[in-house]
């Protein structure tokens, strides 16, 4: 909030584009769903059409994202460790930056965090209410960005492949959650059917359809995408998150706990899709954004299993300090 009240940075072209959408509310638009436009419209109706009114939803969603992570961590680990995880999250450059600009990415972070934290009781205890919450969050997320479609598609693809997760296929809640999630496509399909499927064609083009293969892009595209993600997570923080993810997955495989394994599989699937697209055309750095959510949740899952040593805690602190300097 202090940032909004004191800074003189002008709105970015994307923010002005979405603000223009908010003056003509619809169920979808040329390139994306309508969530960002409706949030800006609600905010500007209360706080005016200046920087505060346009960007306030991003700040609120950024705070909500950190709270959702803290709340999940608090249920799994001790209060001080949960607070440490929240600080790590807040200082990740990608998260901090997206929490200040009113684009679709703030909504993507919140929707994925809500959906993936709801998956924990859904997968581990078969709670129908948790499956429905997951589905609702995924459906809303599709109104922000098509990337969220990988969440229900990924679960449908990965769940039958692991013995420990196959029993979920016999749960009514699993299928109800998937049905609610895919219902998020209905406004997009309806809008597309009325406008010559231009939205769909635009996003298929984003995936590199029609782009020629070039040797330089084939080699440098995946490399640039990977390096960019490491920098946006923070150089040292990214390494620590990878270590925690590996330990969480290894331990979960031994215990046949499906939740961390599904998280990791979704992350691999998302990164694989982005890497394949990067071989055809440059990929925006925010495309694999949900990887941040998955990595942080795997850190929380790993925390009680290996009880971070003093060295690990110091590295997390140092990594966050480096991220803070980068942000400054």
C-alpha atoms as a PDB file:
ATOM      1  CA  UNK A   1       0.000   0.000   0.000  1.00  0.00           C
ATOM      2  CA  UNK A   2       2.900   2.361   0.807  1.00  0.00           C
ATOM      3  CA  UNK A   3       4.212   1.698  -2.710  1.00  0.00           C
ATOM      4  CA  UNK A   4       0.892   2.752  -4.239  1.00  0.00           C
ATOM      5  CA  UNK A   5       0.657   5.923  -2.174  1.00  0.00           C
ATOM      6  CA  UNK A   6       4.222   7.159  -2.694  1.00  0.00           C
ATOM      7  CA  UNK A   7       5.585   6.011  -6.075  1.00  0.00           C
ATOM      8  CA  UNK A   8       5.315   7.947  -9.325  1.00  0.00           C
ATOM      9  CA  UNK A   9       5.714   5.045 -11.748  1.00  0.00           C
ATOM     10  CA  UNK A  10       3.235   5.227 -14.585  1.00  0.00           C
ATOM     11  CA  UNK A  11       0.982   2.306 -15.415  1.00  0.00           C
ATOM     12  CA  UNK A  12       2.562  -0.210 -17.763  1.00  0.00           C
ATOM     13  CA  UNK A  13       1.113  -0.818 -21.240  1.00  0.00           C
ATOM     14  CA  UNK A  14      -0.404  -4.114 -20.051  1.00  0.00           C
ATOM     15  CA  UNK A  15      -2.054  -2.432 -17.076  1.00  0.00           C
ATOM     16  CA  UNK A  16      -3.538   0.283 -19.285  1.00  0.00           C
ATOM     17  CA  UNK A  17      -4.726  -2.388 -21.711  1.00  0.00           C
ATOM     18  CA  UNK A  18      -6.543  -4.261 -18.938  1.00  0.00           C
ATOM     19  CA  UNK A  19      -7.941  -1.004 -17.542  1.00  0.00           C
ATOM     20  CA  UNK A  20      -9.439  -0.324 -20.961  1.00  0.00           C
ATOM     21  CA  UNK A  21     -11.048  -3.761 -20.826  1.00  0.00           C
ATOM     22  CA  UNK A  22     -12.553  -2.870 -17.436  1.00  0.00           C
ATOM     23  CA  UNK A  23     -14.532  -0.031 -19.039  1.00  0.00           C
ATOM     24  CA  UNK A  24     -16.290  -2.544 -21.300  1.00  0.00           C
ATOM     25  CA  UNK A  25     -16.977  -5.555 -19.121  1.00  0.00           C
ATOM     26  CA  UNK A  26     -17.461  -8.889 -20.885  1.00  0.00           C
ATOM     27  CA  UNK A  27     -17.057 -12.626 -20.154  1.00  0.00           C
ATOM     28  CA  UNK A  28     -13.718 -12.802 -22.038  1.00  0.00           C
ATOM     29  CA  UNK A  29     -11.486 -10.728 -24.315  1.00  0.00           C
ATOM     30  CA  UNK A  30      -9.193 -11.040 -27.311  1.00  0.00           C
ATOM     31  CA  UNK A  31      -6.279 -12.677 -25.506  1.00  0.00           C
ATOM     32  CA  UNK A  32      -7.495 -13.782 -22.049  1.00  0.00           C
ATOM     33  CA  UNK A  33     -10.402 -14.321 -19.733  1.00  0.00           C
ATOM     34  CA  UNK A  34     -12.233 -11.534 -17.948  1.00  0.00           C
ATOM     35  CA  UNK A  35     -11.028 -11.847 -14.338  1.00  0.00           C
ATOM     36  CA  UNK A  36      -8.459  -9.042 -14.522  1.00  0.00           C
ATOM     37  CA  UNK A  37     -10.982  -6.633 -16.067  1.00  0.00           C
ATOM     38  CA  UNK A  38     -13.645  -7.340 -13.442  1.00  0.00           C
ATOM     39  CA  UNK A  39     -11.171  -6.865 -10.580  1.00  0.00           C
ATOM     40  CA  UNK A  40      -9.998  -3.521 -11.963  1.00  0.00           C
ATOM     41  CA  UNK A  41     -13.600  -2.439 -12.538  1.00  0.00           C
ATOM     42  CA  UNK A  42     -14.511  -3.255  -8.932  1.00  0.00           C
ATOM     43  CA  UNK A  43     -11.478  -1.409  -7.567  1.00  0.00           C
ATOM     44  CA  UNK A  44     -11.777   1.700  -9.759  1.00  0.00           C
ATOM     45  CA  UNK A  45     -15.461   2.019  -8.911  1.00  0.00           C
ATOM     46  CA  UNK A  46     -14.407   2.527  -5.282  1.00  0.00           C
ATOM     47  CA  UNK A  47     -11.016   4.260  -5.552  1.00  0.00           C
ATOM     48  CA  UNK A  48     -11.115   6.012  -8.903  1.00  0.00           C
ATOM     49  CA  UNK A  49      -9.272   5.487 -12.156  1.00  0.00           C
ATOM     50  CA  UNK A  50      -5.805   6.478 -10.930  1.00  0.00           C
ATOM     51  CA  UNK A  51      -2.852   4.303 -10.055  1.00  0.00           C
ATOM     52  CA  UNK A  52      -4.342   3.364  -6.667  1.00  0.00           C
ATOM     53  CA  UNK A  53      -7.613   2.156  -8.125  1.00  0.00           C
ATOM     54  CA  UNK A  54      -5.999   0.147 -10.905  1.00  0.00           C
ATOM     55  CA  UNK A  55      -3.174  -1.458  -8.917  1.00  0.00           C
ATOM     56  CA  UNK A  56      -4.852  -2.066  -5.560  1.00  0.00           C
ATOM     57  CA  UNK A  57      -6.182  -5.538  -6.554  1.00  0.00           C
ATOM     58  CA  UNK A  58      -2.618  -6.636  -7.317  1.00  0.00           C
ATOM     59  CA  UNK A  59      -1.404  -5.581  -3.860  1.00  0.00           C
ATOM     60  CA  UNK A  60      -4.355  -7.297  -2.170  1.00  0.00           C
ATOM     61  CA  UNK A  61      -3.818 -10.487  -4.155  1.00  0.00           C
ATOM     62  CA  UNK A  62      -0.073 -10.438  -3.479  1.00  0.00           C
ATOM     63  CA  UNK A  63      -0.782 -10.226   0.253  1.00  0.00           C
ATOM     64  CA  UNK A  64      -3.422 -12.951  -0.013  1.00  0.00           C
ATOM     65  CA  UNK A  65      -0.936 -15.220  -1.761  1.00  0.00           C
ATOM     66  CA  UNK A  66       1.629 -14.857   1.024  1.00  0.00           C
ATOM     67  CA  UNK A  67      -1.120 -15.433   3.621  1.00  0.00           C
ATOM     68  CA  UNK A  68      -2.270 -18.637   1.901  1.00  0.00           C
ATOM     69  CA  UNK A  69       1.299 -19.965   1.924  1.00  0.00           C
ATOM     70  CA  UNK A  70       1.763 -18.986   5.595  1.00  0.00           C
ATOM     71  CA  UNK A  71      -1.554 -20.593   6.538  1.00  0.00           C
ATOM     72  CA  UNK A  72      -0.595 -23.846   4.827  1.00  0.00           C
ATOM     73  CA  UNK A  73       2.895 -23.811   6.365  1.00  0.00           C
ATOM     74  CA  UNK A  74       1.455 -23.053   9.826  1.00  0.00           C
ATOM     75  CA  UNK A  75      -0.604 -26.247   9.622  1.00  0.00           C
ATOM     76  CA  UNK A  76       2.484 -28.309   8.756  1.00  0.00           C
ATOM     77  CA  UNK A  77       5.376 -26.760  10.707  1.00  0.00           C
ATOM     78  CA  UNK A  78       6.004 -24.562  13.744  1.00  0.00           C
ATOM     79  CA  UNK A  79       4.957 -20.855  13.734  1.00  0.00           C
ATOM     80  CA  UNK A  80       8.464 -19.389  13.386  1.00  0.00           C
ATOM     81  CA  UNK A  81       9.344 -21.697  10.520  1.00  0.00           C
ATOM     82  CA  UNK A  82       6.038 -20.837   8.819  1.00  0.00           C
ATOM     83  CA  UNK A  83       6.879 -17.158   9.196  1.00  0.00           C
ATOM     84  CA  UNK A  84      10.333 -17.785   7.696  1.00  0.00           C
ATOM     85  CA  UNK A  85       8.723 -19.460   4.684  1.00  0.00           C
ATOM     86  CA  UNK A  86       6.386 -16.474   4.278  1.00  0.00           C
ATOM     87  CA  UNK A  87       9.373 -14.095   4.295  1.00  0.00           C
ATOM     88  CA  UNK A  88      11.162 -16.223   1.696  1.00  0.00           C
ATOM     89  CA  UNK A  89       8.031 -16.071  -0.484  1.00  0.00           C
ATOM     90  CA  UNK A  90       7.594 -12.327  -0.108  1.00  0.00           C
ATOM     91  CA  UNK A  91      11.190 -11.654  -1.169  1.00  0.00           C
ATOM     92  CA  UNK A  92      11.190 -13.887  -4.252  1.00  0.00           C
ATOM     93  CA  UNK A  93      11.716 -11.278  -7.021  1.00  0.00           C
ATOM     94  CA  UNK A  94       9.020 -12.721  -9.283  1.00  0.00           C
ATOM     95  CA  UNK A  95       6.408 -12.743  -6.506  1.00  0.00           C
ATOM     96  CA  UNK A  96       7.301  -9.294  -5.164  1.00  0.00           C
ATOM     97  CA  UNK A  97       7.226  -7.714  -8.609  1.00  0.00           C
ATOM     98  CA  UNK A  98       3.915  -9.262  -9.647  1.00  0.00           C
ATOM     99  CA  UNK A  99       2.327  -8.166  -6.392  1.00  0.00           C
ATOM    100  CA  UNK A 100       2.747  -4.523  -7.438  1.00  0.00           C
ATOM    101  CA  UNK A 101       1.536  -4.544 -11.062  1.00  0.00           C
ATOM    102  CA  UNK A 102      -2.084  -5.206 -11.989  1.00  0.00           C
ATOM    103  CA  UNK A 103      -1.718  -7.947 -14.571  1.00  0.00           C
ATOM    104  CA  UNK A 104      -3.203 -11.433 -14.760  1.00  0.00           C
ATOM    105  CA  UNK A 105      -0.246 -12.927 -12.884  1.00  0.00           C
ATOM    106  CA  UNK A 106      -1.297 -11.906  -9.375  1.00  0.00           C
ATOM    107  CA  UNK A 107      -4.575 -13.774  -9.877  1.00  0.00           C
ATOM    108  CA  UNK A 108      -2.729 -16.811 -11.251  1.00  0.00           C
ATOM    109  CA  UNK A 109      -0.584 -16.975  -8.102  1.00  0.00           C
ATOM    110  CA  UNK A 110      -3.594 -16.803  -5.776  1.00  0.00           C
ATOM    111  CA  UNK A 111      -5.702 -19.300  -7.729  1.00  0.00           C
ATOM    112  CA  UNK A 112      -2.896 -21.861  -7.985  1.00  0.00           C
ATOM    113  CA  UNK A 113      -2.029 -21.424  -4.293  1.00  0.00           C
ATOM    114  CA  UNK A 114      -5.663 -21.906  -3.263  1.00  0.00           C
ATOM    115  CA  UNK A 115      -6.132 -24.889  -5.591  1.00  0.00           C
ATOM    116  CA  UNK A 116      -2.897 -26.656  -4.618  1.00  0.00           C
ATOM    117  CA  UNK A 117      -3.306 -26.135  -0.868  1.00  0.00           C
ATOM    118  CA  UNK A 118      -6.870 -27.476  -1.147  1.00  0.00           C
ATOM    119  CA  UNK A 119      -5.454 -30.531  -2.911  1.00  0.00           C
ATOM    120  CA  UNK A 120      -3.610 -31.600   0.249  1.00  0.00           C
ATOM    121  CA  UNK A 121      -6.713 -32.618   2.273  1.00  0.00           C
ATOM    122  CA  UNK A 122      -8.457 -33.691  -0.931  1.00  0.00           C
ATOM    123  CA  UNK A 123      -5.693 -36.125  -1.895  1.00  0.00           C
ATOM    124  CA  UNK A 124      -4.706 -37.299   1.574  1.00  0.00           C
ATOM    125  CA  UNK A 125      -8.140 -37.530   3.204  1.00  0.00           C
ATOM    126  CA  UNK A 126     -10.495 -37.643   0.236  1.00  0.00           C
ATOM    127  CA  UNK A 127     -12.480 -34.601   1.421  1.00  0.00           C
ATOM    128  CA  UNK A 128     -15.151 -33.730  -1.136  1.00  0.00           C
ATOM    129  CA  UNK A 129     -15.318 -30.123   0.076  1.00  0.00           C
ATOM    130  CA  UNK A 130     -11.566 -29.761  -0.564  1.00  0.00           C
ATOM    131  CA  UNK A 131     -11.976 -31.179  -4.076  1.00  0.00           C
ATOM    132  CA  UNK A 132     -14.718 -28.639  -4.763  1.00  0.00           C
ATOM    133  CA  UNK A 133     -12.549 -25.789  -3.457  1.00  0.00           C
ATOM    134  CA  UNK A 134      -9.713 -26.959  -5.710  1.00  0.00           C
ATOM    135  CA  UNK A 135     -12.098 -27.034  -8.683  1.00  0.00           C
ATOM    136  CA  UNK A 136     -13.488 -23.574  -7.935  1.00  0.00           C
ATOM    137  CA  UNK A 137      -9.993 -22.062  -7.641  1.00  0.00           C
ATOM    138  CA  UNK A 138      -8.907 -23.702 -10.905  1.00  0.00           C
ATOM    139  CA  UNK A 139     -12.060 -22.511 -12.688  1.00  0.00           C
ATOM    140  CA  UNK A 140     -11.502 -18.921 -11.544  1.00  0.00           C
ATOM    141  CA  UNK A 141      -7.835 -19.194 -12.528  1.00  0.00           C
ATOM    142  CA  UNK A 142      -8.802 -20.057 -16.101  1.00  0.00           C
ATOM    143  CA  UNK A 143     -10.527 -16.698 -16.236  1.00  0.00           C
ATOM    144  CA  UNK A 144      -7.116 -15.162 -15.561  1.00  0.00           C
ATOM    145  CA  UNK A 145      -4.847 -17.243 -17.787  1.00  0.00           C
ATOM    146  CA  UNK A 146      -5.042 -20.379 -19.907  1.00  0.00           C
ATOM    147  CA  UNK A 147      -1.989 -21.745 -18.071  1.00  0.00           C
ATOM    148  CA  UNK A 148      -4.349 -22.843 -15.288  1.00  0.00           C
ATOM    149  CA  UNK A 149      -5.865 -25.378 -17.683  1.00  0.00           C
ATOM    150  CA  UNK A 150      -2.717 -27.455 -17.097  1.00  0.00           C
ATOM    151  CA  UNK A 151      -3.839 -28.018 -13.502  1.00  0.00           C
ATOM    152  CA  UNK A 152      -6.888 -30.256 -14.135  1.00  0.00           C
ATOM    153  CA  UNK A 153      -5.385 -31.677 -17.331  1.00  0.00           C
ATOM    154  CA  UNK A 154      -2.186 -32.539 -15.467  1.00  0.00           C
ATOM    155  CA  UNK A 155      -4.086 -34.289 -12.674  1.00  0.00           C
ATOM    156  CA  UNK A 156      -6.075 -36.343 -15.181  1.00  0.00           C
ATOM    157  CA  UNK A 157      -2.830 -37.307 -16.914  1.00  0.00           C
ATOM    158  CA  UNK A 158      -0.649 -38.041 -13.889  1.00  0.00           C
ATOM    159  CA  UNK A 159      -3.085 -39.607 -11.383  1.00  0.00           C
ATOM    160  CA  UNK A 160      -3.473 -42.945 -13.238  1.00  0.00           C
ATOM    161  CA  UNK A 161       0.306 -43.270 -13.664  1.00  0.00           C
ATOM    162  CA  UNK A 162       1.133 -43.632  -9.949  1.00  0.00           C
ATOM    163  CA  UNK A 163      -0.110 -46.546  -7.878  1.00  0.00           C
ATOM    164  CA  UNK A 164      -0.441 -44.423  -4.751  1.00  0.00           C
ATOM    165  CA  UNK A 165      -2.734 -41.910  -6.474  1.00  0.00           C
ATOM    166  CA  UNK A 166      -4.949 -44.309  -8.450  1.00  0.00           C
ATOM    167  CA  UNK A 167      -7.439 -44.798  -5.574  1.00  0.00           C
ATOM    168  CA  UNK A 168      -8.440 -41.139  -6.099  1.00  0.00           C
ATOM    169  CA  UNK A 169     -10.028 -42.159  -9.397  1.00  0.00           C
ATOM    170  CA  UNK A 170     -12.688 -44.008  -7.393  1.00  0.00           C
ATOM    171  CA  UNK A 171     -13.578 -40.926  -5.343  1.00  0.00           C
ATOM    172  CA  UNK A 172     -16.673 -38.962  -6.277  1.00  0.00           C
ATOM    173  CA  UNK A 173     -14.991 -35.799  -5.019  1.00  0.00           C
ATOM    174  CA  UNK A 174     -12.139 -36.162  -7.529  1.00  0.00           C
ATOM    175  CA  UNK A 175     -14.501 -36.112 -10.494  1.00  0.00           C
ATOM    176  CA  UNK A 176     -16.687 -33.371  -9.024  1.00  0.00           C
ATOM    177  CA  UNK A 177     -13.600 -31.217  -8.540  1.00  0.00           C
ATOM    178  CA  UNK A 178     -12.492 -31.826 -12.120  1.00  0.00           C
ATOM    179  CA  UNK A 179     -15.976 -31.008 -13.409  1.00  0.00           C
ATOM    180  CA  UNK A 180     -16.023 -27.701 -11.520  1.00  0.00           C
ATOM    181  CA  UNK A 181     -12.510 -26.892 -12.757  1.00  0.00           C
ATOM    182  CA  UNK A 182     -13.343 -27.454 -16.417  1.00  0.00           C
ATOM    183  CA  UNK A 183     -16.505 -25.378 -16.006  1.00  0.00           C
ATOM    184  CA  UNK A 184     -14.130 -22.404 -15.963  1.00  0.00           C
ATOM    185  CA  UNK A 185     -13.754 -22.897 -19.724  1.00  0.00           C
ATOM    186  CA  UNK A 186     -17.432 -22.234 -20.430  1.00  0.00           C
ATOM    187  CA  UNK A 187     -17.252 -18.383 -20.535  1.00  0.00           C
ATOM    188  CA  UNK A 188     -14.161 -18.602 -22.746  1.00  0.00           C
ATOM    189  CA  UNK A 189     -15.788 -21.065 -25.131  1.00  0.00           C
ATOM    190  CA  UNK A 190     -18.999 -19.029 -25.290  1.00  0.00           C
ATOM    191  CA  UNK A 191     -17.106 -15.795 -26.040  1.00  0.00           C
ATOM    192  CA  UNK A 192     -14.963 -17.521 -28.665  1.00  0.00           C
ATOM    193  CA  UNK A 193     -17.999 -19.001 -30.384  1.00  0.00           C
ATOM    194  CA  UNK A 194     -19.417 -15.479 -30.739  1.00  0.00           C
ATOM    195  CA  UNK A 195     -16.175 -13.943 -32.034  1.00  0.00           C
ATOM    196  CA  UNK A 196     -14.835 -16.398 -34.596  1.00  0.00           C
ATOM    197  CA  UNK A 197     -12.566 -18.218 -32.097  1.00  0.00           C
ATOM    198  CA  UNK A 198     -10.097 -15.333 -32.263  1.00  0.00           C
ATOM    199  CA  UNK A 199      -9.082 -15.785 -28.616  1.00  0.00           C
ATOM    200  CA  UNK A 200      -8.247 -19.439 -29.232  1.00  0.00           C
ATOM    201  CA  UNK A 201      -6.313 -18.637 -32.426  1.00  0.00           C
ATOM    202  CA  UNK A 202      -4.333 -15.943 -30.592  1.00  0.00           C
ATOM    203  CA  UNK A 203      -3.273 -18.335 -27.833  1.00  0.00           C
ATOM    204  CA  UNK A 204      -2.463 -21.185 -30.216  1.00  0.00           C
ATOM    205  CA  UNK A 205      -0.128 -18.729 -31.934  1.00  0.00           C
ATOM    206  CA  UNK A 206       1.491 -18.073 -28.548  1.00  0.00           C
ATOM    207  CA  UNK A 207       2.374 -21.772 -28.407  1.00  0.00           C
ATOM    208  CA  UNK A 208       4.516 -21.397 -31.502  1.00  0.00           C
ATOM    209  CA  UNK A 209       2.066 -22.754 -34.056  1.00  0.00           C
ATOM    210  CA  UNK A 210       3.268 -21.733 -37.505  1.00  0.00           C
ATOM    211  CA  UNK A 211       6.668 -20.542 -36.271  1.00  0.00           C
ATOM    212  CA  UNK A 212       9.594 -21.987 -38.262  1.00  0.00           C
ATOM    213  CA  UNK A 213      12.231 -24.115 -36.569  1.00  0.00           C
ATOM    214  CA  UNK A 214      15.502 -22.248 -36.140  1.00  0.00           C
ATOM    215  CA  UNK A 215      18.674 -23.879 -34.834  1.00  0.00           C
ATOM    216  CA  UNK A 216      19.531 -20.902 -32.614  1.00  0.00           C
ATOM    217  CA  UNK A 217      16.076 -20.813 -31.013  1.00  0.00           C
ATOM    218  CA  UNK A 218      16.074 -24.596 -30.595  1.00  0.00           C
ATOM    219  CA  UNK A 219      19.225 -24.398 -28.494  1.00  0.00           C
ATOM    220  CA  UNK A 220      19.084 -20.990 -26.836  1.00  0.00           C
ATOM    221  CA  UNK A 221      15.341 -20.857 -26.116  1.00  0.00           C
ATOM    222  CA  UNK A 222      15.279 -23.515 -23.355  1.00  0.00           C
ATOM    223  CA  UNK A 223      18.572 -22.222 -21.931  1.00  0.00           C
ATOM    224  CA  UNK A 224      17.331 -18.637 -21.693  1.00  0.00           C
ATOM    225  CA  UNK A 225      14.039 -19.753 -20.147  1.00  0.00           C
ATOM    226  CA  UNK A 226      15.821 -21.836 -17.498  1.00  0.00           C
ATOM    227  CA  UNK A 227      18.317 -19.096 -16.606  1.00  0.00           C
ATOM    228  CA  UNK A 228      15.535 -16.517 -16.402  1.00  0.00           C
ATOM    229  CA  UNK A 229      13.530 -18.679 -14.009  1.00  0.00           C
ATOM    230  CA  UNK A 230      16.558 -19.177 -11.740  1.00  0.00           C
ATOM    231  CA  UNK A 231      17.162 -15.423 -11.612  1.00  0.00           C
ATOM    232  CA  UNK A 232      13.508 -14.582 -10.966  1.00  0.00           C
ATOM    233  CA  UNK A 233      13.369 -17.055  -8.093  1.00  0.00           C
ATOM    234  CA  UNK A 234      16.631 -15.678  -6.749  1.00  0.00           C
ATOM    235  CA  UNK A 235      19.981 -17.385  -7.504  1.00  0.00           C
ATOM    236  CA  UNK A 236      20.532 -18.988  -4.102  1.00  0.00           C
ATOM    237  CA  UNK A 237      16.841 -19.390  -3.238  1.00  0.00           C
ATOM    238  CA  UNK A 238      16.241 -21.309  -6.476  1.00  0.00           C
ATOM    239  CA  UNK A 239      18.994 -23.802  -5.579  1.00  0.00           C
ATOM    240  CA  UNK A 240      17.592 -24.319  -2.073  1.00  0.00           C
ATOM    241  CA  UNK A 241      14.076 -24.821  -3.436  1.00  0.00           C
ATOM    242  CA  UNK A 242      15.373 -27.465  -5.842  1.00  0.00           C
ATOM    243  CA  UNK A 243      17.135 -29.295  -3.002  1.00  0.00           C
ATOM    244  CA  UNK A 244      13.995 -29.190  -0.844  1.00  0.00           C
ATOM    245  CA  UNK A 245      11.839 -30.396  -3.747  1.00  0.00           C
ATOM    246  CA  UNK A 246      14.149 -33.348  -4.376  1.00  0.00           C
ATOM    247  CA  UNK A 247      14.125 -34.359  -0.708  1.00  0.00           C
ATOM    248  CA  UNK A 248      10.358 -34.000  -0.472  1.00  0.00           C
ATOM    249  CA  UNK A 249       9.781 -36.125  -3.574  1.00  0.00           C
ATOM    250  CA  UNK A 250      12.314 -38.785  -2.499  1.00  0.00           C
ATOM    251  CA  UNK A 251      10.780 -39.130   0.946  1.00  0.00           C
ATOM    252  CA  UNK A 252       7.212 -39.117  -0.429  1.00  0.00           C
ATOM    253  CA  UNK A 253       8.086 -41.842  -2.918  1.00  0.00           C
ATOM    254  CA  UNK A 254       9.315 -44.066  -0.089  1.00  0.00           C
ATOM    255  CA  UNK A 255       6.185 -43.370   1.963  1.00  0.00           C
ATOM    256  CA  UNK A 256       3.891 -43.480  -1.087  1.00  0.00           C
ATOM    257  CA  UNK A 257       2.411 -40.081  -0.173  1.00  0.00           C
ATOM    258  CA  UNK A 258       0.731 -38.931  -3.409  1.00  0.00           C
ATOM    259  CA  UNK A 259       0.408 -35.213  -2.658  1.00  0.00           C
ATOM    260  CA  UNK A 260       4.071 -34.083  -3.029  1.00  0.00           C
ATOM    261  CA  UNK A 261       4.465 -36.464  -5.971  1.00  0.00           C
ATOM    262  CA  UNK A 262       1.495 -34.867  -7.745  1.00  0.00           C
ATOM    263  CA  UNK A 263       2.902 -31.395  -7.024  1.00  0.00           C
ATOM    264  CA  UNK A 264       6.244 -32.352  -8.544  1.00  0.00           C
ATOM    265  CA  UNK A 265       4.596 -33.997 -11.560  1.00  0.00           C
ATOM    266  CA  UNK A 266       2.522 -30.878 -12.234  1.00  0.00           C
ATOM    267  CA  UNK A 267       5.660 -28.740 -12.012  1.00  0.00           C
ATOM    268  CA  UNK A 268       7.565 -30.977 -14.412  1.00  0.00           C
ATOM    269  CA  UNK A 269       4.644 -30.971 -16.856  1.00  0.00           C
ATOM    270  CA  UNK A 270       4.344 -27.178 -16.777  1.00  0.00           C
ATOM    271  CA  UNK A 271       8.085 -26.659 -17.283  1.00  0.00           C
ATOM    272  CA  UNK A 272       8.194 -29.254 -20.043  1.00  0.00           C
ATOM    273  CA  UNK A 273       5.415 -27.486 -21.969  1.00  0.00           C
ATOM    274  CA  UNK A 274       7.200 -24.127 -21.614  1.00  0.00           C
ATOM    275  CA  UNK A 275      10.542 -25.637 -22.702  1.00  0.00           C
ATOM    276  CA  UNK A 276       8.964 -27.226 -25.780  1.00  0.00           C
ATOM    277  CA  UNK A 277       7.368 -23.920 -26.766  1.00  0.00           C
ATOM    278  CA  UNK A 278      10.673 -22.091 -26.178  1.00  0.00           C
ATOM    279  CA  UNK A 279      12.231 -24.231 -28.917  1.00  0.00           C
ATOM    280  CA  UNK A 280       9.912 -22.578 -31.438  1.00  0.00           C
ATOM    281  CA  UNK A 281       9.606 -19.007 -30.126  1.00  0.00           C
ATOM    282  CA  UNK A 282      10.705 -16.852 -27.166  1.00  0.00           C
ATOM    283  CA  UNK A 283       8.693 -17.598 -24.028  1.00  0.00           C
ATOM    284  CA  UNK A 284       7.668 -14.887 -21.585  1.00  0.00           C
ATOM    285  CA  UNK A 285       9.318 -15.268 -18.185  1.00  0.00           C
ATOM    286  CA  UNK A 286       5.960 -15.359 -16.376  1.00  0.00           C
ATOM    287  CA  UNK A 287       4.595 -18.390 -18.253  1.00  0.00           C
ATOM    288  CA  UNK A 288       5.969 -20.975 -15.753  1.00  0.00           C
ATOM    289  CA  UNK A 289       4.793 -18.756 -12.862  1.00  0.00           C
ATOM    290  CA  UNK A 290       2.908 -21.543 -10.991  1.00  0.00           C
ATOM    291  CA  UNK A 291       6.285 -23.250 -10.486  1.00  0.00           C
ATOM    292  CA  UNK A 292       6.843 -20.736  -7.676  1.00  0.00           C
ATOM    293  CA  UNK A 293       3.761 -22.012  -5.859  1.00  0.00           C
ATOM    294  CA  UNK A 294       4.737 -25.664  -6.370  1.00  0.00           C
ATOM    295  CA  UNK A 295       8.334 -25.090  -5.223  1.00  0.00           C
ATOM    296  CA  UNK A 296       7.278 -23.282  -2.048  1.00  0.00           C
ATOM    297  CA  UNK A 297       4.731 -25.971  -1.140  1.00  0.00           C
ATOM    298  CA  UNK A 298       7.365 -28.663  -1.661  1.00  0.00           C
ATOM    299  CA  UNK A 299       9.680 -26.683   0.649  1.00  0.00           C
ATOM    300  CA  UNK A 300       6.957 -26.746   3.303  1.00  0.00           C
ATOM    301  CA  UNK A 301       6.446 -30.478   2.751  1.00  0.00           C
ATOM    302  CA  UNK A 302      10.181 -31.135   3.100  1.00  0.00           C
ATOM    303  CA  UNK A 303      10.652 -28.964   6.192  1.00  0.00           C
ATOM    304  CA  UNK A 304       9.503 -31.421   8.902  1.00  0.00           C
ATOM    305  CA  UNK A 305      11.158 -34.343   7.123  1.00  0.00           C
ATOM    306  CA  UNK A 306      14.742 -33.134   7.177  1.00  0.00           C
ATOM    307  CA  UNK A 307      14.495 -30.388   9.825  1.00  0.00           C
ATOM    308  CA  UNK A 308      16.621 -27.684   8.170  1.00  0.00           C
ATOM    309  CA  UNK A 309      20.050 -27.442   9.702  1.00  0.00           C
ATOM    310  CA  UNK A 310      21.631 -24.209  10.847  1.00  0.00           C
ATOM    311  CA  UNK A 311      23.479 -24.096   7.526  1.00  0.00           C
ATOM    312  CA  UNK A 312      20.254 -24.523   5.564  1.00  0.00           C
ATOM    313  CA  UNK A 313      18.501 -21.787   7.549  1.00  0.00           C
ATOM    314  CA  UNK A 314      21.446 -19.448   7.062  1.00  0.00           C
ATOM    315  CA  UNK A 315      21.418 -20.135   3.317  1.00  0.00           C
ATOM    316  CA  UNK A 316      17.697 -19.359   3.162  1.00  0.00           C
ATOM    317  CA  UNK A 317      18.330 -16.131   5.067  1.00  0.00           C
ATOM    318  CA  UNK A 318      21.235 -15.216   2.789  1.00  0.00           C
ATOM    319  CA  UNK A 319      19.203 -16.054  -0.316  1.00  0.00           C
ATOM    320  CA  UNK A 320      16.348 -13.848   0.856  1.00  0.00           C
ATOM    321  CA  UNK A 321      18.792 -11.050   1.662  1.00  0.00           C
ATOM    322  CA  UNK A 322      20.196 -11.257  -1.879  1.00  0.00           C
ATOM    323  CA  UNK A 323      16.643 -11.161  -3.244  1.00  0.00           C
ATOM    324  CA  UNK A 324      15.888  -8.120  -1.115  1.00  0.00           C
ATOM    325  CA  UNK A 325      18.930  -6.326  -2.544  1.00  0.00           C
ATOM    326  CA  UNK A 326      17.871  -7.235  -6.065  1.00  0.00           C
ATOM    327  CA  UNK A 327      14.402  -5.815  -5.411  1.00  0.00           C
ATOM    328  CA  UNK A 328      15.842  -2.654  -3.872  1.00  0.00           C
END
